[in-house]
Amino acid sequence: MSKKSEQTLPKKDSSTNNETVDLGFSMRMDENQPEPQIPVDLFAIRPDTKGPKSIGVLLILGALVLFFQAYGDVGLHLSEDLSNEEVELILEVPNSQGDGSTELTVEQYQTFHDAARDSGGYALRGFGLVAASLLLFVGGIMLLFLNGLGAKLSLAGAVIGLVTGIAGSLLVKGAADTHLVGVLLFTYEVYSYLCGVCMIMCAGMAALPLINARARMALYPENRVVLEQE
């Protein structure tokens, strides 16, 4: 009889089923971990420091232009009589543009100059623009240093220049309506409107740092709102 050979198969170790593959890292999830939250100041308004400084530079340049205009008006107010050379230089272009029927003489323009001085138009516009230019200049410098008072001074100067500039220009225009004709009369009429437009632009620029939230926050950092999350 042949003897049956018993073959024994290798028995698998049950521990191999529980082996884990090591990937080099592990990730654990905590059920009690809070959900990520968006920072409360993510969409908060940030101070704008460049805007007020840019407005300050523009106001300083505008103040210099106004000062030269004011200097000319004050000089006209203090001049009782203009020289013939000055009047001829002023009348050269207007007289050359007409057909010859509306040419102005030196005596006519001198009469207009005396009437404009007596009306106070030169003085009102000149000294008013001097005050306006000084306030705009000082306010513009203060805005460069982010001082909120600079915007208020500039706005006050622009309002003073607006009122005195328009009022003085209307007085000068009244004298021009009486004593001038032709192109020069139209020039003084346009000048009164131009003065008002320029001063309104200055007032708008001066008020902008006080209206804009970001610029106002840069000028008044103590009024900044801080959001706190409990």
Protein backbone atom coordinates (compact mmCIF):
# COMPACT_ATOMS: atom_id res chain seq x y z
CA MET A 1 0.00 0.00 0.00
CA SER A 2 1.20 3.41 -0.90
CA LYS A 3 1.46 5.80 1.80
CA LYS A 4 -0.45 8.98 1.26
CA SER A 5 1.68 11.98 1.56
CA GLU A 6 0.14 14.67 3.51
CA GLN A 7 0.55 18.13 2.12
CA THR A 8 0.09 21.00 4.45
CA LEU A 9 -0.72 24.38 2.97
CA PRO A 10 0.82 27.41 4.61
CA LYS A 11 -1.64 29.03 6.86
CA LYS A 12 -2.21 32.70 6.30
CA ASP A 13 -1.52 34.90 9.22
CA SER A 14 -4.61 36.81 10.17
CA SER A 15 -2.46 39.71 11.20
CA THR A 16 -1.66 40.46 7.54
CA ASN A 17 -5.25 41.52 6.97
CA ASN A 18 -4.89 44.24 9.53
CA GLU A 19 -1.71 45.67 8.10
CA THR A 20 -1.90 49.34 7.00
CA VAL A 21 -0.03 50.93 4.17
CA ASP A 22 2.29 53.69 5.31
CA LEU A 23 1.97 56.63 2.90
CA GLY A 24 4.36 58.84 4.77
CA PHE A 25 1.73 61.17 6.23
CA SER A 26 -1.39 60.97 8.27
CA MET A 27 -4.49 63.14 8.39
CA ARG A 28 -6.75 63.30 11.34
CA MET A 29 -10.18 64.87 11.40
CA ASP A 30 -11.43 66.29 14.61
CA GLU A 31 -15.18 66.42 14.82
CA ASN A 32 -15.01 69.22 17.37
CA GLN A 33 -12.78 71.41 15.19
CA PRO A 34 -14.52 74.76 14.47
CA GLU A 35 -15.24 75.77 10.91
CA PRO A 36 -12.91 78.38 9.36
CA GLN A 37 -14.29 81.89 9.67
CA ILE A 38 -13.80 84.92 7.44
CA PRO A 39 -11.99 87.80 9.21
CA VAL A 40 -14.44 90.46 10.27
CA ASP A 41 -12.31 93.24 8.77
CA LEU A 42 -11.80 91.57 5.39
CA PHE A 43 -14.12 94.03 3.64
CA ALA A 44 -13.51 96.96 5.99
CA ILE A 45 -12.83 100.42 4.54
CA ARG A 46 -9.12 101.18 4.45
CA PRO A 47 -7.73 104.71 4.92
CA ASP A 48 -6.69 106.43 1.70
CA THR A 49 -3.57 108.52 2.29
CA LYS A 50 -2.76 109.24 -1.35
CA GLY A 51 -6.03 110.96 -2.22
CA PRO A 52 -5.82 113.85 0.29
CA LYS A 53 -2.18 114.44 -0.62
CA SER A 54 -3.01 114.65 -4.32
CA ILE A 55 -5.82 117.10 -3.56
CA GLY A 56 -3.39 119.14 -1.48
CA VAL A 57 -0.96 119.47 -4.39
CA LEU A 58 -3.74 120.60 -6.74
CA LEU A 59 -5.00 123.15 -4.22
CA ILE A 60 -1.50 124.58 -3.80
CA LEU A 61 -1.17 125.02 -7.57
CA GLY A 62 -4.62 126.61 -7.74
CA ALA A 63 -3.72 128.97 -4.89
CA LEU A 64 -0.67 130.20 -6.80
CA VAL A 65 -2.77 130.92 -9.90
CA LEU A 66 -5.34 132.80 -7.82
CA PHE A 67 -2.64 134.82 -6.12
CA PHE A 68 -1.28 136.14 -9.42
CA GLN A 69 -4.81 137.05 -10.52
CA ALA A 70 -5.44 138.78 -7.20
CA TYR A 71 -2.15 140.65 -7.52
CA GLY A 72 -3.26 142.02 -10.89
CA ASP A 73 -6.66 143.15 -9.57
CA VAL A 74 -5.13 144.85 -6.54
CA GLY A 75 -2.66 146.60 -8.84
CA LEU A 76 -5.52 147.85 -11.04
CA HIS A 77 -7.37 149.11 -7.98
CA LEU A 78 -4.34 151.06 -6.77
CA SER A 79 -3.60 152.53 -10.22
CA GLU A 80 -5.52 155.75 -10.71
CA ASP A 81 -4.45 156.19 -14.32
CA LEU A 82 -3.07 153.69 -16.79
CA SER A 83 -0.32 154.72 -19.16
CA ASN A 84 -1.12 155.11 -22.84
CA GLU A 85 1.26 152.27 -23.67
CA GLU A 86 -0.58 149.88 -21.35
CA VAL A 87 -3.99 150.83 -22.74
CA GLU A 88 -2.82 150.55 -26.35
CA LEU A 89 -1.42 147.10 -25.61
CA ILE A 90 -4.77 146.03 -24.13
CA LEU A 91 -6.78 147.44 -27.04
CA GLU A 92 -4.51 146.16 -29.80
CA VAL A 93 -6.11 142.72 -30.17
CA PRO A 94 -9.80 143.73 -29.64
CA ASN A 95 -9.57 146.63 -32.10
CA SER A 96 -7.92 144.42 -34.72
CA GLN A 97 -10.80 141.90 -34.64
CA GLY A 98 -13.60 144.33 -35.44
CA ASP A 99 -14.64 146.03 -38.66
CA GLY A 100 -13.46 149.42 -37.42
CA SER A 101 -16.85 150.69 -36.31
CA THR A 102 -16.44 149.54 -32.69
CA GLU A 103 -12.84 150.51 -32.04
CA LEU A 104 -12.14 151.78 -28.55
CA THR A 105 -9.97 154.76 -27.82
CA VAL A 106 -7.56 155.24 -24.97
CA GLU A 107 -9.90 157.77 -23.36
CA GLN A 108 -12.85 155.35 -23.45
CA TYR A 109 -10.89 152.57 -21.80
CA GLN A 110 -9.54 155.00 -19.20
CA THR A 111 -13.12 156.02 -18.40
CA PHE A 112 -14.04 152.36 -17.97
CA HIS A 113 -11.04 151.82 -15.70
CA ASP A 114 -12.06 154.72 -13.47
CA ALA A 115 -15.64 153.43 -13.28
CA ALA A 116 -14.47 149.92 -12.38
CA ARG A 117 -12.24 151.31 -9.62
CA ASP A 118 -15.02 153.47 -8.23
CA SER A 119 -17.44 150.54 -8.17
CA GLY A 120 -15.08 148.58 -5.93
CA GLY A 121 -15.01 145.60 -8.28
CA TYR A 122 -11.23 145.42 -8.52
CA ALA A 123 -10.81 145.79 -4.76
CA LEU A 124 -13.46 143.23 -3.85
CA ARG A 125 -12.20 140.63 -6.28
CA GLY A 126 -8.52 141.33 -5.65
CA PHE A 127 -8.48 141.26 -1.85
CA GLY A 128 -11.02 138.44 -1.77
CA LEU A 129 -8.85 136.27 -4.00
CA VAL A 130 -5.80 137.12 -1.87
CA ALA A 131 -7.57 135.73 1.21
CA ALA A 132 -8.82 132.73 -0.77
CA SER A 133 -5.38 131.92 -2.17
CA LEU A 134 -3.77 132.09 1.28
CA LEU A 135 -6.35 129.76 2.79
CA LEU A 136 -6.05 127.35 -0.13
CA PHE A 137 -2.27 127.38 0.10
CA VAL A 138 -2.18 126.74 3.86
CA GLY A 139 -4.93 124.14 3.61
CA GLY A 140 -3.14 122.34 0.78
CA ILE A 141 0.06 122.10 2.82
CA MET A 142 -1.87 120.73 5.80
CA LEU A 143 -3.46 118.11 3.57
CA LEU A 144 0.01 116.92 2.58
CA PHE A 145 0.50 116.07 6.27
CA LEU A 146 -2.99 114.49 6.48
CA ASN A 147 -4.35 117.18 8.76
CA GLY A 148 -8.14 117.35 8.58
CA LEU A 149 -8.15 121.08 9.32
CA GLY A 150 -6.53 121.67 5.94
CA ALA A 151 -9.63 120.49 4.08
CA LYS A 152 -11.83 122.86 6.09
CA LEU A 153 -9.52 125.83 5.53
CA SER A 154 -9.35 125.09 1.81
CA LEU A 155 -13.13 124.83 1.59
CA ALA A 156 -13.53 128.14 3.42
CA GLY A 157 -11.02 129.79 1.08
CA ALA A 158 -12.79 128.44 -1.99
CA VAL A 159 -16.15 129.75 -0.76
CA ILE A 160 -14.65 133.19 -0.05
CA GLY A 161 -13.06 133.26 -3.49
CA LEU A 162 -16.33 132.16 -5.10
CA VAL A 163 -18.40 134.91 -3.48
CA THR A 164 -15.91 137.76 -3.82
CA GLY A 165 -14.77 136.67 -7.27
CA ILE A 166 -18.26 136.56 -8.77
CA ALA A 167 -19.40 139.73 -6.99
CA GLY A 168 -16.30 141.67 -8.05
CA SER A 169 -16.51 140.39 -11.62
CA LEU A 170 -20.15 141.49 -11.86
CA LEU A 171 -19.23 144.99 -10.68
CA VAL A 172 -16.48 145.21 -13.28
CA LYS A 173 -18.86 143.85 -15.91
CA GLY A 174 -21.38 146.56 -15.00
CA ALA A 175 -18.78 149.22 -15.69
CA ALA A 176 -17.88 147.46 -18.94
CA ASP A 177 -21.52 147.40 -20.06
CA THR A 178 -21.65 151.17 -19.65
CA HIS A 179 -18.36 152.21 -21.22
CA LEU A 180 -17.16 149.39 -23.51
CA VAL A 181 -18.39 147.87 -26.76
CA GLY A 182 -17.40 145.06 -29.08
CA VAL A 183 -15.11 142.15 -28.31
CA LEU A 184 -13.73 143.55 -25.08
CA LEU A 185 -17.23 143.74 -23.59
CA PHE A 186 -17.76 140.06 -24.34
CA THR A 187 -14.38 139.27 -22.77
CA TYR A 188 -15.35 140.73 -19.39
CA GLU A 189 -18.65 138.85 -19.51
CA VAL A 190 -16.92 135.53 -20.11
CA TYR A 191 -14.38 136.32 -17.41
CA SER A 192 -17.11 136.62 -14.77
CA TYR A 193 -18.39 133.12 -15.61
CA LEU A 194 -14.88 131.69 -15.78
CA CYS A 195 -14.06 132.99 -12.32
CA GLY A 196 -17.14 131.29 -10.88
CA VAL A 197 -16.39 127.97 -12.57
CA CYS A 198 -12.79 127.93 -11.31
CA MET A 199 -13.81 128.64 -7.73
CA ILE A 200 -16.53 125.97 -7.84
CA MET A 201 -13.90 123.45 -8.94
CA CYS A 202 -11.65 124.51 -6.06
CA ALA A 203 -14.54 124.14 -3.62
CA GLY A 204 -15.34 120.69 -4.97
CA MET A 205 -11.75 119.51 -4.61
CA ALA A 206 -11.51 120.94 -1.09
CA ALA A 207 -14.73 119.20 -0.03
CA LEU A 208 -13.78 115.84 -1.53
CA PRO A 209 -11.57 114.67 1.40
CA LEU A 210 -14.44 115.48 3.77
CA ILE A 211 -16.99 113.55 1.72
CA ASN A 212 -15.02 110.45 0.76
CA ALA A 213 -15.06 107.84 3.53
CA ARG A 214 -11.54 106.51 2.91
CA ALA A 215 -10.00 109.97 2.74
CA ARG A 216 -11.87 111.10 5.85
CA MET A 217 -10.59 108.04 7.71
CA ALA A 218 -7.02 109.03 6.80
CA LEU A 219 -7.57 112.60 8.01
CA TYR A 220 -9.35 111.58 11.21
CA PRO A 221 -7.90 108.21 12.31
CA GLU A 222 -9.30 108.65 15.82
CA ASN A 223 -12.82 108.22 14.42
CA ARG A 224 -12.03 104.85 12.89
CA VAL A 225 -14.57 102.10 13.65
CA VAL A 226 -13.04 98.85 14.94
CA LEU A 227 -15.06 95.64 14.46
CA GLU A 228 -14.75 93.08 17.25
CA GLN A 229 -15.95 89.50 17.11
CA GLU A 230 -17.13 87.81 20.24
